[in-house]
Structure formats: structure tokens, C-alpha cells
C-alpha atoms as a PDB file:
ATOM      1  CA  UNK A   1       1.685   4.611 -11.901  1.00  0.00           C
ATOM      2  CA  UNK A   2       5.343   4.959 -12.706  1.00  0.00           C
ATOM      3  CA  UNK A   3       7.336   2.240 -14.430  1.00  0.00           C
ATOM      4  CA  UNK A   4      10.460   3.209 -12.457  1.00  0.00           C
ATOM      5  CA  UNK A   5      11.652   0.669  -9.873  1.00  0.00           C
ATOM      6  CA  UNK A   6      10.796   1.264  -6.244  1.00  0.00           C
ATOM      7  CA  UNK A   7      13.404   3.285  -4.373  1.00  0.00           C
ATOM      8  CA  UNK A   8      13.928   3.678  -0.639  1.00  0.00           C
ATOM      9  CA  UNK A   9      13.893   7.225   0.776  1.00  0.00           C
ATOM     10  CA  UNK A  10      14.501   7.192   4.513  1.00  0.00           C
ATOM     11  CA  UNK A  11      11.729   5.243   6.197  1.00  0.00           C
ATOM     12  CA  UNK A  12       9.486   5.141   3.144  1.00  0.00           C
ATOM     13  CA  UNK A  13       9.414   3.063   0.022  1.00  0.00           C
ATOM     14  CA  UNK A  14       8.157   5.212  -2.799  1.00  0.00           C
ATOM     15  CA  UNK A  15       7.202   4.661  -6.395  1.00  0.00           C
ATOM     16  CA  UNK A  16       7.949   7.361  -8.916  1.00  0.00           C
ATOM     17  CA  UNK A  17       9.847  10.608  -9.210  1.00  0.00           C
ATOM     18  CA  UNK A  18      11.474  11.548  -5.891  1.00  0.00           C
ATOM     19  CA  UNK A  19      12.128  15.086  -7.136  1.00  0.00           C
ATOM     20  CA  UNK A  20       8.359  15.669  -7.380  1.00  0.00           C
ATOM     21  CA  UNK A  21       6.732  13.638  -4.577  1.00  0.00           C
ATOM     22  CA  UNK A  22       2.939  13.395  -4.512  1.00  0.00           C
ATOM     23  CA  UNK A  23       0.561  11.942  -1.936  1.00  0.00           C
ATOM     24  CA  UNK A  24      -2.416   9.864  -2.926  1.00  0.00           C
ATOM     25  CA  UNK A  25      -5.409  12.205  -2.953  1.00  0.00           C
ATOM     26  CA  UNK A  26      -7.953  11.754  -0.167  1.00  0.00           C
ATOM     27  CA  UNK A  27      -5.764   9.531   2.028  1.00  0.00           C
ATOM     28  CA  UNK A  28      -3.860  12.186   3.987  1.00  0.00           C
ATOM     29  CA  UNK A  29      -5.110  14.999   6.193  1.00  0.00           C
ATOM     30  CA  UNK A  30      -1.768  16.757   6.509  1.00  0.00           C
ATOM     31  CA  UNK A  31       1.784  16.492   5.237  1.00  0.00           C
ATOM     32  CA  UNK A  32       5.152  18.197   5.653  1.00  0.00           C
ATOM     33  CA  UNK A  33       8.861  17.563   5.432  1.00  0.00           C
ATOM     34  CA  UNK A  34      10.298  16.936   8.893  1.00  0.00           C
ATOM     35  CA  UNK A  35      13.823  17.706  10.080  1.00  0.00           C
ATOM     36  CA  UNK A  36      15.393  15.743  12.934  1.00  0.00           C
ATOM     37  CA  UNK A  37      15.085  18.730  15.281  1.00  0.00           C
ATOM     38  CA  UNK A  38      11.323  18.946  14.617  1.00  0.00           C
ATOM     39  CA  UNK A  39      10.336  15.481  15.882  1.00  0.00           C
ATOM     40  CA  UNK A  40       8.459  16.992  18.848  1.00  0.00           C
ATOM     41  CA  UNK A  41       5.804  18.139  16.337  1.00  0.00           C
ATOM     42  CA  UNK A  42       4.729  14.501  16.114  1.00  0.00           C
ATOM     43  CA  UNK A  43       3.692  14.572  19.796  1.00  0.00           C
ATOM     44  CA  UNK A  44       0.738  16.826  18.944  1.00  0.00           C
ATOM     45  CA  UNK A  45      -1.630  13.892  18.286  1.00  0.00           C
ATOM     46  CA  UNK A  46       0.273  11.284  20.289  1.00  0.00           C
ATOM     47  CA  UNK A  47      -2.952  10.029  21.875  1.00  0.00           C
ATOM     48  CA  UNK A  48      -4.224   8.952  18.432  1.00  0.00           C
ATOM     49  CA  UNK A  49      -1.308   6.687  17.541  1.00  0.00           C
ATOM     50  CA  UNK A  50       0.358   6.070  20.932  1.00  0.00           C
ATOM     51  CA  UNK A  51       3.529   7.771  19.689  1.00  0.00           C
ATOM     52  CA  UNK A  52       3.970   5.412  16.723  1.00  0.00           C
ATOM     53  CA  UNK A  53       4.707   8.186  14.221  1.00  0.00           C
ATOM     54  CA  UNK A  54       7.375   9.685  16.492  1.00  0.00           C
ATOM     55  CA  UNK A  55       9.045   6.283  16.985  1.00  0.00           C
ATOM     56  CA  UNK A  56       9.070   5.687  13.228  1.00  0.00           C
ATOM     57  CA  UNK A  57      10.630   9.114  12.611  1.00  0.00           C
ATOM     58  CA  UNK A  58      13.209   8.629  15.388  1.00  0.00           C
ATOM     59  CA  UNK A  59      14.195   5.253  13.943  1.00  0.00           C
ATOM     60  CA  UNK A  60      14.449   6.714  10.441  1.00  0.00           C
ATOM     61  CA  UNK A  61      16.688   9.580  11.562  1.00  0.00           C
ATOM     62  CA  UNK A  62      18.821   7.139  13.584  1.00  0.00           C
ATOM     63  CA  UNK A  63      19.233   4.972  10.489  1.00  0.00           C
ATOM     64  CA  UNK A  64      20.242   8.020   8.438  1.00  0.00           C
ATOM     65  CA  UNK A  65      22.818   9.027  11.055  1.00  0.00           C
ATOM     66  CA  UNK A  66      24.176   5.458  11.169  1.00  0.00           C
ATOM     67  CA  UNK A  67      24.715   5.489   7.416  1.00  0.00           C
ATOM     68  CA  UNK A  68      26.327   8.923   7.488  1.00  0.00           C
ATOM     69  CA  UNK A  69      23.486  10.731   5.749  1.00  0.00           C
END
């Protein structure tokens, strides 16, 4: 565990080195970086989460646009 303070990166709060992100082993089946124009990829398993992941991503990208990022 890092001793660095928590930092906010988009819709996630992460602990540690943002230049070398790591997922906790065994807790994720898949991962990828997602650009705003790739949100439709989150519809693939929409039935599993009722579109929650897409809504989270849409809100995160909207927040980034609102802050000029």
C-alpha cells in the first residue's frame, strides 16, 4: 500500500502511482482504458449491470468536459 495521499482521476479515487496503475489481482475479469467515443463498448454486458457502467462513464466524461479536460 502506498503512503501517497489519495488522488482523484476522473471517476475513480486511486491510491498510489498514477503513472503505473495496477488492479487488485483476482477482482477484475477485464480492464482497458476507455475514450469518450468508445462508450458503446460498455453496452456489451448491459443486462448484467442495467447500464450502470455506461452511466458512470458518461457522467465521468461529462465532468471532464465541464472542467475543460
